[in-house]
C-alpha cells in the first residue's frame, strides 16, 4: 500500500550527484517530488484508473428497495484522493505516500482486494470480497517526471 522509494532507486548513476546535496536540499527535493506524485496518483484515483492506465474494475450492481438496479453516476472514491487523506512523508532519503485514518483501511481493502464489511457502522453487516483496485503506484510516466524534476533541480542548483 505504501509506495516508498529511496532517491537512489530512480537511477543508479544519479546517486552520486544526490549525495553531494545537503540533507536540507535533498529533503526539499523529495518534498517537491512527493507533492508531484500525490497529485498524479490523486488524478488517477479520481479518474478510476490504476497506475498502469487501465480502468479499475467496475462496481458490483446494487439494487434499490424495489429490486431495480441502482444507477451509479458518482465516482468510486470521491474523497480518498483529497490531500487530507493522501499524505506525503519525506526524508532526505525517501518519499512515502500513505493514506491516513479510516481512509487507510478502506484504501487497503480496495488496493489489495480484501474482504470487509459492506457498512462498518452496522455491527453484523454482511462481508464481501472487493476487487483489487491499485490505488498507488509509480508507472513509467511518473518515473520520467521524477527524473525531469531531479535534473531540473540539479540544473537549478548548479546554475
N, C-alpha and C. Protein backbone atom coordinates (compact mmCIF):
# COMPACT_ATOMS: atom_id res chain seq x y z
N UNK A 1 0.81 -1.18 0.00
CA UNK A 1 0.00 0.00 0.00
C UNK A 1 0.86 1.25 0.00
N UNK A 2 1.92 1.20 0.71
CA UNK A 2 2.81 2.34 0.77
C UNK A 2 3.82 2.24 -0.35
N UNK A 3 3.97 3.32 -1.09
CA UNK A 3 4.96 3.36 -2.15
C UNK A 3 6.14 4.15 -1.62
N UNK A 4 7.18 3.47 -1.17
CA UNK A 4 8.37 4.13 -0.67
C UNK A 4 9.54 3.78 -1.58
N UNK A 5 10.35 4.78 -1.86
CA UNK A 5 11.48 4.53 -2.73
C UNK A 5 12.57 5.53 -2.42
N UNK A 6 13.78 5.04 -2.19
CA UNK A 6 14.90 5.94 -2.00
C UNK A 6 15.22 6.65 -3.30
N UNK A 7 15.80 7.85 -3.18
CA UNK A 7 16.13 8.60 -4.39
C UNK A 7 17.13 7.86 -5.25
N UNK A 8 17.99 7.06 -4.65
CA UNK A 8 18.97 6.32 -5.46
C UNK A 8 18.32 5.27 -6.33
N UNK A 9 17.06 4.92 -6.05
CA UNK A 9 16.36 3.93 -6.87
C UNK A 9 15.90 4.52 -8.19
N UNK A 10 15.91 5.84 -8.32
CA UNK A 10 15.49 6.47 -9.57
C UNK A 10 16.43 6.06 -10.69
N UNK A 11 17.68 6.31 -10.52
CA UNK A 11 18.71 5.92 -11.47
C UNK A 11 19.99 5.71 -10.68
N UNK A 12 20.68 4.60 -10.90
CA UNK A 12 21.90 4.34 -10.13
C UNK A 12 22.97 5.42 -10.28
N UNK A 13 23.15 6.00 -11.47
CA UNK A 13 24.20 6.99 -11.67
C UNK A 13 23.89 8.31 -10.98
N UNK A 14 22.62 8.51 -10.64
CA UNK A 14 22.19 9.75 -10.02
C UNK A 14 22.54 9.81 -8.54
N UNK A 15 22.82 8.65 -7.95
CA UNK A 15 23.09 8.57 -6.51
C UNK A 15 24.25 9.47 -6.10
N UNK A 16 25.33 9.44 -6.86
CA UNK A 16 26.49 10.26 -6.52
C UNK A 16 26.18 11.75 -6.54
N UNK A 17 25.39 12.17 -7.54
CA UNK A 17 25.01 13.58 -7.61
C UNK A 17 24.13 13.98 -6.44
N UNK A 18 23.20 13.11 -6.07
CA UNK A 18 22.29 13.44 -4.98
C UNK A 18 22.99 13.45 -3.63
N UNK A 19 24.01 12.61 -3.48
CA UNK A 19 24.72 12.57 -2.20
C UNK A 19 25.53 13.84 -1.96
N UNK A 20 25.83 14.58 -3.03
CA UNK A 20 26.56 15.84 -2.87
C UNK A 20 25.67 16.97 -2.35
N UNK A 21 24.36 16.77 -2.45
CA UNK A 21 23.44 17.78 -1.92
C UNK A 21 23.39 17.70 -0.41
N UNK A 22 23.15 18.83 0.23
CA UNK A 22 22.98 18.86 1.69
C UNK A 22 21.67 18.18 2.05
N UNK A 23 21.54 17.64 3.26
CA UNK A 23 20.28 16.99 3.66
C UNK A 23 19.06 17.89 3.51
N UNK A 24 19.19 19.17 3.79
CA UNK A 24 18.07 20.09 3.64
C UNK A 24 17.64 20.24 2.19
N UNK A 25 18.63 20.27 1.30
CA UNK A 25 18.32 20.37 -0.14
C UNK A 25 17.67 19.09 -0.63
N UNK A 26 18.17 17.93 -0.17
CA UNK A 26 17.58 16.66 -0.57
C UNK A 26 16.15 16.55 -0.06
N UNK A 27 15.91 17.02 1.17
CA UNK A 27 14.56 16.97 1.73
C UNK A 27 13.61 17.86 0.92
N UNK A 28 14.09 19.04 0.52
CA UNK A 28 13.26 19.93 -0.31
C UNK A 28 12.94 19.27 -1.65
N UNK A 29 13.92 18.59 -2.22
CA UNK A 29 13.71 17.88 -3.47
C UNK A 29 12.71 16.74 -3.30
N UNK A 30 12.88 15.94 -2.25
CA UNK A 30 11.94 14.83 -2.03
C UNK A 30 10.54 15.35 -1.74
N UNK A 31 10.45 16.49 -1.06
CA UNK A 31 9.13 17.07 -0.79
C UNK A 31 8.46 17.49 -2.10
N UNK A 32 9.22 18.08 -2.99
CA UNK A 32 8.67 18.51 -4.28
C UNK A 32 8.22 17.29 -5.10
N UNK A 33 9.04 16.24 -5.10
CA UNK A 33 8.69 15.01 -5.81
C UNK A 33 7.45 14.38 -5.19
N UNK A 34 7.38 14.38 -3.86
CA UNK A 34 6.23 13.81 -3.16
C UNK A 34 4.92 14.51 -3.51
N UNK A 35 4.96 15.84 -3.55
CA UNK A 35 3.76 16.59 -3.92
C UNK A 35 3.33 16.26 -5.35
N UNK A 36 4.32 16.14 -6.26
CA UNK A 36 4.00 15.81 -7.64
C UNK A 36 3.38 14.41 -7.72
N UNK A 37 3.96 13.44 -6.99
CA UNK A 37 3.43 12.07 -7.01
C UNK A 37 2.03 12.01 -6.40
N UNK A 38 1.80 12.77 -5.32
CA UNK A 38 0.46 12.80 -4.72
C UNK A 38 -0.55 13.33 -5.73
N UNK A 39 -0.20 14.40 -6.42
CA UNK A 39 -1.12 14.98 -7.41
C UNK A 39 -1.41 13.99 -8.53
N UNK A 40 -0.38 13.33 -9.05
CA UNK A 40 -0.58 12.40 -10.16
C UNK A 40 -1.38 11.17 -9.73
N UNK A 41 -1.11 10.64 -8.52
CA UNK A 41 -1.87 9.49 -8.03
C UNK A 41 -3.31 9.89 -7.74
N UNK A 42 -3.52 11.08 -7.19
CA UNK A 42 -4.88 11.55 -6.89
C UNK A 42 -5.69 11.69 -8.18
N UNK A 43 -5.07 12.19 -9.25
CA UNK A 43 -5.76 12.31 -10.53
C UNK A 43 -6.18 10.94 -11.06
N UNK A 44 -5.29 9.96 -10.92
CA UNK A 44 -5.62 8.61 -11.38
C UNK A 44 -6.76 8.01 -10.56
N UNK A 45 -6.73 8.24 -9.25
CA UNK A 45 -7.79 7.71 -8.39
C UNK A 45 -9.13 8.34 -8.77
N UNK A 46 -9.13 9.66 -8.99
CA UNK A 46 -10.37 10.35 -9.39
C UNK A 46 -10.87 9.87 -10.75
N UNK A 47 -9.95 9.51 -11.64
CA UNK A 47 -10.32 9.01 -12.97
C UNK A 47 -10.69 7.54 -12.96
N UNK A 48 -10.59 6.89 -11.80
CA UNK A 48 -10.85 5.45 -11.65
C UNK A 48 -9.99 4.63 -12.60
N UNK A 49 -8.70 4.95 -12.64
CA UNK A 49 -7.76 4.15 -13.43
C UNK A 49 -6.58 3.76 -12.54
N UNK A 50 -6.03 2.58 -12.80
CA UNK A 50 -4.90 2.13 -12.00
C UNK A 50 -3.62 2.79 -12.52
N UNK A 51 -2.50 2.64 -11.81
CA UNK A 51 -1.27 3.31 -12.23
C UNK A 51 -0.80 2.94 -13.64
N UNK A 52 -1.18 1.79 -14.14
CA UNK A 52 -0.78 1.40 -15.49
C UNK A 52 -1.65 2.04 -16.56
N UNK A 53 -2.71 2.74 -16.17
CA UNK A 53 -3.60 3.39 -17.12
C UNK A 53 -4.84 2.60 -17.46
N UNK A 54 -4.94 1.37 -16.97
CA UNK A 54 -6.13 0.55 -17.22
C UNK A 54 -7.26 0.99 -16.31
N UNK A 55 -8.52 0.89 -16.77
CA UNK A 55 -9.63 1.25 -15.88
C UNK A 55 -9.75 0.27 -14.73
N UNK A 56 -10.17 0.78 -13.58
CA UNK A 56 -10.38 -0.09 -12.42
C UNK A 56 -11.60 -0.98 -12.67
N UNK A 57 -11.65 -2.16 -12.04
CA UNK A 57 -12.85 -2.99 -12.17
C UNK A 57 -14.08 -2.22 -11.71
N UNK A 58 -15.18 -2.40 -12.43
CA UNK A 58 -16.41 -1.66 -12.12
C UNK A 58 -17.01 -2.15 -10.80
N UNK A 59 -17.82 -1.30 -10.22
CA UNK A 59 -18.54 -1.69 -9.00
C UNK A 59 -19.53 -2.81 -9.31
N UNK A 60 -19.87 -3.54 -8.24
CA UNK A 60 -20.93 -4.53 -8.40
C UNK A 60 -22.26 -3.79 -8.51
N UNK A 61 -23.20 -4.41 -9.18
CA UNK A 61 -24.53 -3.81 -9.29
C UNK A 61 -25.21 -3.81 -7.94
N UNK A 62 -25.95 -2.76 -7.67
CA UNK A 62 -26.71 -2.67 -6.44
C UNK A 62 -28.18 -2.48 -6.78
N UNK A 63 -29.03 -3.08 -5.97
CA UNK A 63 -30.47 -2.98 -6.19
C UNK A 63 -31.07 -1.99 -5.22
N UNK A 64 -32.10 -1.28 -5.68
CA UNK A 64 -32.80 -0.39 -4.77
C UNK A 64 -33.85 -1.20 -4.00
N UNK A 65 -34.70 -0.53 -3.23
CA UNK A 65 -35.66 -1.22 -2.38
C UNK A 65 -36.72 -1.98 -3.17
N UNK A 66 -36.95 -1.58 -4.42
CA UNK A 66 -37.94 -2.27 -5.24
C UNK A 66 -37.32 -3.37 -6.12
N UNK A 67 -36.02 -3.60 -5.97
CA UNK A 67 -35.38 -4.65 -6.72
C UNK A 67 -34.83 -4.23 -8.07
N UNK A 68 -34.87 -2.95 -8.36
CA UNK A 68 -34.32 -2.47 -9.62
C UNK A 68 -32.85 -2.12 -9.44
N UNK A 69 -32.12 -2.17 -10.52
CA UNK A 69 -30.69 -1.85 -10.46
C UNK A 69 -30.52 -0.35 -10.24
N UNK A 70 -29.73 0.01 -9.22
CA UNK A 70 -29.42 1.41 -8.96
C UNK A 70 -28.41 1.90 -9.97
N UNK A 71 -28.66 3.08 -10.49
CA UNK A 71 -27.71 3.66 -11.44
C UNK A 71 -26.72 4.51 -10.66
N UNK A 72 -25.44 4.23 -10.87
CA UNK A 72 -24.37 4.95 -10.18
C UNK A 72 -23.71 5.92 -11.14
N UNK A 73 -23.77 7.18 -10.80
CA UNK A 73 -23.08 8.18 -11.61
C UNK A 73 -21.90 8.76 -10.85
N UNK A 74 -21.86 8.54 -9.54
CA UNK A 74 -20.79 9.11 -8.73
C UNK A 74 -19.49 8.34 -8.93
N UNK A 75 -18.39 8.99 -8.62
CA UNK A 75 -17.09 8.34 -8.69
C UNK A 75 -16.97 7.28 -7.61
N UNK A 76 -16.06 6.35 -7.82
CA UNK A 76 -15.90 5.25 -6.89
C UNK A 76 -15.26 5.70 -5.58
N UNK A 77 -14.26 6.55 -5.64
CA UNK A 77 -13.55 7.02 -4.45
C UNK A 77 -13.60 8.54 -4.41
N UNK A 78 -14.71 9.12 -4.00
CA UNK A 78 -14.85 10.57 -4.11
C UNK A 78 -13.92 11.37 -3.20
N UNK A 79 -13.59 10.85 -2.02
CA UNK A 79 -12.81 11.65 -1.08
C UNK A 79 -11.46 11.05 -0.73
N UNK A 80 -11.18 9.87 -1.22
CA UNK A 80 -9.95 9.19 -0.82
C UNK A 80 -8.71 9.90 -1.38
N UNK A 81 -8.86 10.64 -2.47
CA UNK A 81 -7.71 11.29 -3.10
C UNK A 81 -7.49 12.72 -2.61
N UNK A 82 -8.29 13.17 -1.65
CA UNK A 82 -8.09 14.52 -1.11
C UNK A 82 -6.76 14.59 -0.38
N UNK A 83 -6.16 15.77 -0.36
CA UNK A 83 -4.86 15.95 0.28
C UNK A 83 -4.91 15.62 1.77
N UNK A 84 -6.05 15.81 2.41
CA UNK A 84 -6.13 15.49 3.85
C UNK A 84 -6.12 13.98 4.09
N UNK A 85 -6.43 13.18 3.08
CA UNK A 85 -6.43 11.73 3.23
C UNK A 85 -5.21 11.06 2.62
N UNK A 86 -4.59 11.67 1.66
CA UNK A 86 -3.41 11.13 0.99
C UNK A 86 -2.22 11.99 1.37
N UNK A 87 -1.41 11.51 2.28
CA UNK A 87 -0.31 12.29 2.85
C UNK A 87 1.03 11.91 2.24
N UNK A 88 1.91 12.88 2.21
CA UNK A 88 3.27 12.68 1.74
C UNK A 88 4.20 12.80 2.93
N UNK A 89 5.03 11.79 3.13
CA UNK A 89 6.06 11.84 4.17
C UNK A 89 7.40 11.82 3.47
N UNK A 90 8.27 12.74 3.84
CA UNK A 90 9.56 12.82 3.19
C UNK A 90 10.69 12.81 4.20
N UNK A 91 11.82 12.37 3.75
CA UNK A 91 13.08 12.48 4.48
C UNK A 91 14.12 12.80 3.42
N UNK A 92 15.35 13.08 3.81
CA UNK A 92 16.35 13.35 2.77
C UNK A 92 16.59 12.15 1.86
N UNK A 93 16.18 10.96 2.27
CA UNK A 93 16.47 9.76 1.51
C UNK A 93 15.27 9.15 0.77
N UNK A 94 14.02 9.47 1.18
CA UNK A 94 12.89 8.80 0.57
C UNK A 94 11.63 9.64 0.57
N UNK A 95 10.69 9.20 -0.26
CA UNK A 95 9.36 9.78 -0.36
C UNK A 95 8.37 8.66 -0.10
N UNK A 96 7.34 8.94 0.70
CA UNK A 96 6.35 7.91 1.02
C UNK A 96 4.96 8.52 0.91
N UNK A 97 4.09 7.86 0.15
CA UNK A 97 2.68 8.26 0.03
C UNK A 97 1.86 7.29 0.87
N UNK A 98 1.05 7.81 1.78
CA UNK A 98 0.22 6.96 2.62
C UNK A 98 -1.17 7.57 2.75
N UNK A 99 -2.11 6.72 3.09
CA UNK A 99 -3.45 7.18 3.44
C UNK A 99 -3.53 7.28 4.95
N UNK A 100 -4.39 8.15 5.45
CA UNK A 100 -4.47 8.38 6.88
C UNK A 100 -5.80 7.89 7.45
N UNK A 101 -5.79 7.59 8.74
CA UNK A 101 -7.00 7.28 9.49
C UNK A 101 -7.81 6.14 8.91
N UNK A 102 -9.13 6.32 8.93
CA UNK A 102 -10.04 5.30 8.40
C UNK A 102 -9.86 5.10 6.91
N UNK A 103 -9.42 6.14 6.25
CA UNK A 103 -9.20 6.06 4.82
C UNK A 103 -8.15 5.00 4.50
N UNK A 104 -7.16 4.83 5.37
CA UNK A 104 -6.11 3.84 5.15
C UNK A 104 -6.69 2.43 5.10
N UNK A 105 -7.65 2.15 5.98
CA UNK A 105 -8.27 0.82 5.99
C UNK A 105 -9.08 0.59 4.72
N UNK A 106 -9.87 1.56 4.32
CA UNK A 106 -10.66 1.44 3.10
C UNK A 106 -9.75 1.30 1.88
N UNK A 107 -8.71 2.10 1.84
CA UNK A 107 -7.78 2.03 0.71
C UNK A 107 -7.09 0.67 0.65
N UNK A 108 -6.69 0.13 1.80
CA UNK A 108 -6.03 -1.18 1.81
C UNK A 108 -6.95 -2.27 1.31
N UNK A 109 -8.21 -2.22 1.73
CA UNK A 109 -9.17 -3.23 1.30
C UNK A 109 -9.31 -3.21 -0.22
N UNK A 110 -9.42 -2.02 -0.80
CA UNK A 110 -9.60 -1.92 -2.25
C UNK A 110 -8.29 -2.15 -3.00
N UNK A 111 -7.17 -1.70 -2.45
CA UNK A 111 -5.89 -1.85 -3.13
C UNK A 111 -5.49 -3.32 -3.27
N UNK A 112 -5.70 -4.08 -2.20
CA UNK A 112 -5.29 -5.48 -2.20
C UNK A 112 -6.42 -6.45 -2.52
N UNK A 113 -7.66 -5.97 -2.62
CA UNK A 113 -8.78 -6.86 -2.91
C UNK A 113 -9.12 -7.75 -1.73
N UNK A 114 -9.23 -7.17 -0.55
CA UNK A 114 -9.51 -7.92 0.68
C UNK A 114 -11.00 -8.04 0.93
N UNK A 115 -11.33 -8.77 1.97
CA UNK A 115 -12.72 -8.92 2.40
C UNK A 115 -12.98 -7.95 3.54
N UNK A 116 -14.15 -7.31 3.52
CA UNK A 116 -14.50 -6.34 4.56
C UNK A 116 -16.02 -6.23 4.66
N UNK A 117 -16.47 -5.61 5.75
CA UNK A 117 -17.90 -5.36 5.91
C UNK A 117 -18.36 -4.34 4.88
N UNK A 118 -19.57 -4.49 4.42
CA UNK A 118 -20.12 -3.55 3.45
C UNK A 118 -20.36 -2.20 4.14
N UNK A 119 -20.88 -2.22 5.36
CA UNK A 119 -21.11 -1.00 6.12
C UNK A 119 -20.51 -1.21 7.51
N UNK A 120 -19.43 -0.54 7.80
CA UNK A 120 -18.75 -0.73 9.09
C UNK A 120 -19.53 -0.17 10.27
N UNK A 121 -20.52 0.67 10.00
CA UNK A 121 -21.31 1.23 11.10
C UNK A 121 -22.29 0.22 11.68
N UNK A 122 -22.60 -0.82 10.91
CA UNK A 122 -23.54 -1.85 11.36
C UNK A 122 -22.73 -3.03 11.89
N UNK A 123 -22.94 -3.42 13.15
CA UNK A 123 -22.12 -4.49 13.74
C UNK A 123 -22.17 -5.82 12.99
N UNK A 124 -23.32 -6.25 12.53
CA UNK A 124 -23.45 -7.55 11.85
C UNK A 124 -23.63 -7.39 10.34
N UNK A 125 -22.99 -6.40 9.78
CA UNK A 125 -23.10 -6.14 8.34
C UNK A 125 -22.50 -7.30 7.55
N UNK A 126 -23.05 -7.53 6.37
CA UNK A 126 -22.53 -8.62 5.55
C UNK A 126 -21.10 -8.28 5.11
N UNK A 127 -20.32 -9.30 4.84
CA UNK A 127 -18.94 -9.15 4.39
C UNK A 127 -18.87 -9.53 2.91
N UNK A 128 -18.01 -8.86 2.21
CA UNK A 128 -17.82 -9.17 0.80
C UNK A 128 -16.36 -8.99 0.43
N UNK A 129 -15.93 -9.68 -0.60
CA UNK A 129 -14.57 -9.53 -1.11
C UNK A 129 -14.62 -8.49 -2.23
N UNK A 130 -13.81 -7.47 -2.06
CA UNK A 130 -13.75 -6.39 -3.04
C UNK A 130 -12.71 -6.72 -4.12
N UNK A 131 -12.94 -6.24 -5.31
CA UNK A 131 -11.97 -6.41 -6.39
C UNK A 131 -10.72 -5.60 -6.09
N UNK A 132 -9.57 -6.12 -6.49
CA UNK A 132 -8.32 -5.39 -6.29
C UNK A 132 -8.27 -4.21 -7.26
N UNK A 133 -8.11 -3.03 -6.69
CA UNK A 133 -8.02 -1.81 -7.47
C UNK A 133 -6.76 -1.08 -7.01
N UNK A 134 -5.69 -1.13 -7.79
CA UNK A 134 -4.45 -0.50 -7.38
C UNK A 134 -4.64 1.01 -7.31
N UNK A 135 -4.45 1.56 -6.13
CA UNK A 135 -4.65 2.99 -5.93
C UNK A 135 -3.35 3.78 -6.09
N UNK A 136 -2.26 3.25 -5.57
CA UNK A 136 -0.98 3.95 -5.61
C UNK A 136 0.01 3.17 -6.45
N UNK A 137 0.87 3.88 -7.12
CA UNK A 137 1.91 3.24 -7.91
C UNK A 137 2.72 4.29 -8.65
N UNK A 138 3.84 3.84 -9.19
CA UNK A 138 4.70 4.74 -9.95
C UNK A 138 4.92 4.12 -11.34
N UNK A 139 4.09 4.48 -12.30
CA UNK A 139 4.28 3.95 -13.66
C UNK A 139 5.46 4.64 -14.35
N UNK A 140 5.75 4.22 -15.55
CA UNK A 140 6.89 4.75 -16.31
C UNK A 140 6.79 6.25 -16.52
N UNK A 141 5.59 6.76 -16.76
CA UNK A 141 5.42 8.20 -16.95
C UNK A 141 5.79 9.00 -15.72
N UNK A 142 5.47 8.46 -14.55
CA UNK A 142 5.85 9.13 -13.30
C UNK A 142 7.35 9.06 -13.07
N UNK A 143 7.96 7.94 -13.44
CA UNK A 143 9.42 7.82 -13.31
C UNK A 143 10.11 8.86 -14.17
N UNK A 144 9.60 9.06 -15.39
CA UNK A 144 10.17 10.08 -16.27
C UNK A 144 9.99 11.47 -15.67
N UNK A 145 8.82 11.73 -15.09
CA UNK A 145 8.56 13.03 -14.47
C UNK A 145 9.47 13.25 -13.26
N UNK A 146 9.73 12.18 -12.50
CA UNK A 146 10.65 12.28 -11.35
C UNK A 146 12.05 12.63 -11.85
N UNK A 147 12.49 11.95 -12.91
CA UNK A 147 13.82 12.22 -13.48
C UNK A 147 13.91 13.67 -13.96
N UNK A 148 12.87 14.15 -14.64
CA UNK A 148 12.86 15.54 -15.11
C UNK A 148 12.95 16.50 -13.95
N UNK A 149 12.20 16.20 -12.87
CA UNK A 149 12.20 17.04 -11.68
C UNK A 149 13.58 17.08 -11.03
N UNK A 150 14.20 15.92 -10.90
CA UNK A 150 15.53 15.85 -10.27
C UNK A 150 16.56 16.57 -11.12
N UNK A 151 16.54 16.34 -12.42
CA UNK A 151 17.51 17.00 -13.29
C UNK A 151 17.31 18.52 -13.31
N UNK A 152 16.05 18.97 -13.31
CA UNK A 152 15.78 20.40 -13.25
C UNK A 152 16.28 20.99 -11.93
N UNK A 153 16.10 20.25 -10.84
CA UNK A 153 16.56 20.69 -9.52
C UNK A 153 18.09 20.80 -9.50
N UNK A 154 18.76 19.79 -10.05
CA UNK A 154 20.22 19.80 -10.08
C UNK A 154 20.75 20.91 -10.99
N UNK A 155 20.06 21.15 -12.11
CA UNK A 155 20.45 22.22 -13.02
C UNK A 155 20.26 23.57 -12.34
N UNK A 156 19.19 23.71 -11.58
CA UNK A 156 18.91 24.96 -10.86
C UNK A 156 19.99 25.20 -9.80
N UNK A 157 20.42 24.13 -9.12
CA UNK A 157 21.44 24.27 -8.07
C UNK A 157 22.81 24.60 -8.65
N UNK A 158 23.10 24.09 -9.85
CA UNK A 158 24.39 24.34 -10.47
C UNK A 158 24.45 25.74 -11.10
N UNK A 159 23.28 26.21 -11.55
CA UNK A 159 23.24 27.47 -12.29
C UNK A 159 23.15 28.67 -11.47
